[in-house]
Amino acid sequence: MIESLIQVAKEMGEDIGGRCFKIIEGVLISLIHHTNDETFRPALQVVYTINNSNDELSTRMSARLLYTCFTVRKGSRISDWGTAGEVVVANVQATMKLSDNSSGERVKETMWESLKAAAMVMQTANMEAMIAQLGQIMDSVRGFRDGQLFLPFCEFLADTGVERFRIFMLPYFQRYAMRASLRFRVQC
């Protein structure tokens, strides 16, 4: 059922702010509340495959629904965080490719949605599952439009959990701050 709703939304060109997409989110949230990790798995697989076409709308839809899966009930319906991390990285990298061909605000919004999902995986997944994915996510967030979303991403991750921010992001943040201060000194 959720797969059919997603297909209709794509065919209509319905973005994540539209009514049709809000219905999809509501159905997904309801499924999360009324299933366990085993019975939710088929719906999660549908969410994992939304972005198989790597177009901007599919990537944005995928990222928002992943974020929903990871945040509702604190991600308790996710049993394989390694796969979740791989899907998030694929979304972030798909958005990087989209940004090569477009400079619009929509791509920035798509990247932000993807990074929010990545942050929630970083906050919720076991650390072993995330360490393998961390470098790819960080390379993308620093490389996207010269790091335009790096500081907002740091802030979002810190707001969602200080401990994981310190473990995962603080070293990257410190290097970023050092490079920024060196560039500032060179310019003066």
Protein backbone atom coordinates (compact mmCIF):
# COMPACT_ATOMS: atom_id res chain seq x y z
CA MET A 1 0.00 0.00 0.00
CA ILE A 2 2.69 2.50 0.93
CA GLU A 3 4.52 1.68 -2.30
CA SER A 4 1.39 2.58 -4.31
CA LEU A 5 0.99 5.86 -2.43
CA ILE A 6 4.60 6.78 -3.12
CA GLN A 7 4.22 5.94 -6.80
CA VAL A 8 1.11 8.15 -7.08
CA ALA A 9 2.91 11.01 -5.32
CA LYS A 10 5.85 10.70 -7.72
CA GLU A 11 3.58 10.60 -10.76
CA MET A 12 1.80 13.72 -9.53
CA GLY A 13 5.13 15.42 -8.86
CA GLU A 14 4.00 15.87 -5.26
CA ASP A 15 6.80 17.25 -3.11
CA ILE A 16 7.34 16.61 0.60
CA GLY A 17 5.23 19.59 1.61
CA GLY A 18 2.14 18.44 -0.30
CA ARG A 19 -1.01 16.75 0.95
CA CYS A 20 -0.35 13.43 -0.72
CA PHE A 21 3.07 13.18 0.90
CA LYS A 22 1.63 14.09 4.29
CA ILE A 23 -0.73 11.11 3.91
CA ILE A 24 2.25 8.87 3.14
CA GLU A 25 4.03 10.14 6.26
CA GLY A 26 0.91 9.56 8.35
CA VAL A 27 0.53 6.00 7.07
CA LEU A 28 4.21 5.33 7.78
CA ILE A 29 3.96 6.73 11.31
CA SER A 30 0.87 4.64 11.95
CA LEU A 31 2.68 1.53 10.72
CA ILE A 32 5.60 2.28 13.02
CA HIS A 33 3.27 2.60 16.01
CA HIS A 34 1.40 -0.62 15.26
CA THR A 35 4.24 -2.96 14.28
CA ASN A 36 7.46 -4.34 15.66
CA ASP A 37 10.84 -4.43 13.92
CA GLU A 38 10.00 -7.70 12.17
CA THR A 39 6.54 -6.75 10.90
CA PHE A 40 7.72 -3.26 9.90
CA ARG A 41 10.53 -4.64 7.72
CA PRO A 42 8.49 -4.82 4.44
CA ALA A 43 7.48 -1.15 4.75
CA LEU A 44 11.07 -0.21 5.57
CA GLN A 45 12.26 -2.03 2.45
CA VAL A 46 9.87 0.11 0.39
CA VAL A 47 11.33 3.25 1.98
CA TYR A 48 14.85 1.98 1.27
CA THR A 49 14.09 1.58 -2.44
CA ILE A 50 12.36 4.93 -3.07
CA ASN A 51 15.55 6.54 -4.30
CA ASN A 52 16.44 3.91 -6.87
CA SER A 53 16.02 6.46 -9.67
CA ASN A 54 18.28 9.06 -7.98
CA ASP A 55 16.19 12.00 -9.16
CA GLU A 56 15.75 15.02 -6.93
CA LEU A 57 12.15 14.32 -5.88
CA SER A 58 12.81 10.65 -5.10
CA THR A 59 15.90 11.55 -3.09
CA ARG A 60 14.04 14.18 -1.07
CA MET A 61 11.08 11.83 -0.45
CA SER A 62 13.43 9.04 0.56
CA ALA A 63 15.35 11.25 2.97
CA ARG A 64 12.21 12.57 4.68
CA LEU A 65 10.70 9.11 5.09
CA LEU A 66 14.00 7.71 6.37
CA TYR A 67 14.09 10.52 8.92
CA THR A 68 10.57 9.57 9.97
CA CYS A 69 11.54 5.89 10.35
CA PHE A 70 14.59 6.81 12.42
CA THR A 71 12.86 9.27 14.74
CA VAL A 72 9.41 7.84 15.45
CA ARG A 73 9.70 5.60 18.51
CA LYS A 74 13.43 6.38 18.52
CA GLY A 75 14.10 4.09 15.59
CA SER A 76 13.02 1.00 17.48
CA ARG A 77 11.62 -0.54 14.28
CA ILE A 78 15.06 -0.60 12.66
CA SER A 79 16.84 -3.88 13.28
CA ASP A 80 19.72 -3.49 10.80
CA TRP A 81 21.39 -0.13 11.28
CA GLY A 82 24.21 -1.05 8.90
CA THR A 83 21.76 -1.13 5.99
CA ALA A 84 20.10 2.06 7.23
CA GLY A 85 23.49 3.77 7.21
CA GLU A 86 24.22 2.55 3.68
CA VAL A 87 20.89 3.89 2.42
CA VAL A 88 21.51 7.26 4.07
CA VAL A 89 24.99 7.47 2.52
CA ALA A 90 23.51 6.60 -0.89
CA ASN A 91 21.00 9.46 -0.46
CA VAL A 92 23.69 11.94 0.52
CA GLN A 93 25.87 10.88 -2.41
CA ALA A 94 22.93 11.04 -4.83
CA THR A 95 22.32 14.61 -3.67
CA MET A 96 25.99 15.44 -4.25
CA LYS A 97 25.59 14.26 -7.85
CA LEU A 98 22.43 16.34 -8.21
CA SER A 99 24.30 19.41 -6.95
CA ASP A 100 26.83 19.01 -9.77
CA ASN A 101 24.02 19.66 -12.27
CA SER A 102 21.95 22.18 -10.36
CA SER A 103 22.57 25.15 -8.13
CA GLY A 104 18.95 25.59 -7.07
CA GLU A 105 17.49 25.85 -3.61
CA ARG A 106 15.72 22.50 -4.06
CA VAL A 107 19.03 20.63 -4.12
CA LYS A 108 20.04 22.37 -0.90
CA GLU A 109 16.71 21.33 0.64
CA THR A 110 17.28 17.76 -0.57
CA MET A 111 20.75 17.70 0.97
CA TRP A 112 19.40 19.06 4.26
CA GLU A 113 16.73 16.34 4.37
CA SER A 114 19.42 13.73 3.65
CA LEU A 115 21.70 15.13 6.34
CA LYS A 116 18.90 15.14 8.91
CA ALA A 117 18.37 11.43 8.22
CA ALA A 118 22.13 10.88 8.49
CA ALA A 119 22.21 12.71 11.82
CA MET A 120 19.46 10.50 13.20
CA VAL A 121 21.32 7.36 12.14
CA MET A 122 24.42 8.77 13.83
CA GLN A 123 22.39 9.40 17.00
CA THR A 124 20.48 6.13 17.10
CA ALA A 125 22.54 3.40 15.46
CA ASN A 126 25.10 1.36 17.28
CA MET A 127 28.50 2.93 16.86
CA GLU A 128 30.02 0.03 14.93
CA ALA A 129 27.40 0.43 12.20
CA MET A 130 28.10 4.14 11.85
CA ILE A 131 31.86 4.26 11.91
CA ALA A 132 32.08 2.68 8.46
CA GLN A 133 29.69 5.30 7.04
CA LEU A 134 30.94 8.38 8.88
CA GLY A 135 33.77 9.33 6.52
CA GLN A 136 31.52 9.28 3.47
CA ILE A 137 28.90 11.42 5.17
CA MET A 138 31.47 13.92 6.42
CA ASP A 139 33.20 14.19 3.03
CA SER A 140 29.84 15.00 1.48
CA VAL A 141 28.72 17.53 4.08
CA ARG A 142 32.06 19.36 3.85
CA GLY A 143 32.10 19.18 0.06
CA PHE A 144 28.52 20.27 -0.60
CA ARG A 145 28.71 23.85 -1.83
CA ASP A 146 31.97 24.51 0.02
CA GLY A 147 30.62 23.33 3.35
CA GLN A 148 27.51 25.51 3.29
CA LEU A 149 25.57 23.04 5.47
CA PHE A 150 28.46 21.91 7.69
CA LEU A 151 27.73 24.24 10.63
CA PRO A 152 23.94 23.73 10.51
CA PHE A 153 24.58 19.97 10.41
CA CYS A 154 26.86 20.23 13.45
CA GLU A 155 24.24 22.24 15.29
CA PHE A 156 21.46 19.79 14.38
CA LEU A 157 23.54 16.80 15.51
CA ALA A 158 24.49 18.52 18.78
CA ASP A 159 20.86 19.46 19.44
CA THR A 160 19.76 15.86 18.98
CA GLY A 161 22.44 14.45 21.28
CA VAL A 162 25.60 15.96 22.71
CA GLU A 163 27.36 12.66 23.45
CA ARG A 164 27.24 11.42 19.86
CA PHE A 165 28.17 14.89 18.63
CA ARG A 166 31.32 14.74 20.75
CA ILE A 167 32.15 11.23 19.56
CA PHE A 168 31.43 11.64 15.86
CA MET A 169 31.52 15.34 14.97
CA LEU A 170 33.75 17.19 17.38
CA PRO A 171 37.02 16.17 15.66
CA TYR A 172 35.61 17.24 12.26
CA PHE A 173 34.26 20.46 13.77
CA GLN A 174 37.64 21.30 15.33
CA ARG A 175 39.45 20.76 12.02
CA TYR A 176 36.84 22.88 10.25
CA ALA A 177 37.28 25.69 12.78
CA MET A 178 41.08 25.54 12.49
CA ARG A 179 40.95 25.74 8.68
CA ALA A 180 38.48 28.62 8.82
CA SER A 181 40.68 30.56 11.24
CA LEU A 182 43.75 29.98 9.03
CA ARG A 183 41.87 31.24 5.96
CA PHE A 184 40.75 34.29 7.92
CA ARG A 185 44.34 35.05 8.99
CA VAL A 186 45.59 34.70 5.42
CA GLN A 187 42.91 37.10 4.18
CA CYS A 188 43.81 39.74 6.80
